[in-house]
């Protein structure tokens, strides 16, 4: 997303006019208009101030990267860090795409249900790509379910180093 689009999106999401945002952020409406149209490039400090005026913060988040491991002729996608989902996505009702859940197309899974969430995670970790993992798996909830998941040995082995690196160590 370009800076102009980011500023326009934030302003509209806050339901502010250009004049209202400009006043909140201590700039002029013509200047804000020039930023939103891409005719002027604001500094990072200015972008931060404009976003704050609209009620947003500019954050730095690690990019979710995946590496592919091959075991028994099958590719297994494993992220370099655990994905995090917004609460509304982590506990949504979902229908998995046909390429993941071909045996039960159109089945609805309620991710508020521990059993449904475990089933989705098993399917996605076993069959999914990086995009599927980023869409359906929350790392914290995965850690909570990890010992209960029924996974092929190669999938569990591929994911275990990541899970073990972030899982709390049990007291002895």
Foldseek 3Di string as FASTA:
>chain_A
DDQLVVLVVLCVVLVHDLCQLCVLLVHHSVVNVCRNVVVDPDDPVSSQSSSVSSVHGDDDDDDWDWDWDADPNDTFTETPAFAADPPCQQQDWDFDDCQQCVVDHPDIAGNVDLVSLLVQVQSCRARHDPVSRNRHPHRVSCLVCVVVHDHPPVSCVVHVVNSVVPDDDDDD
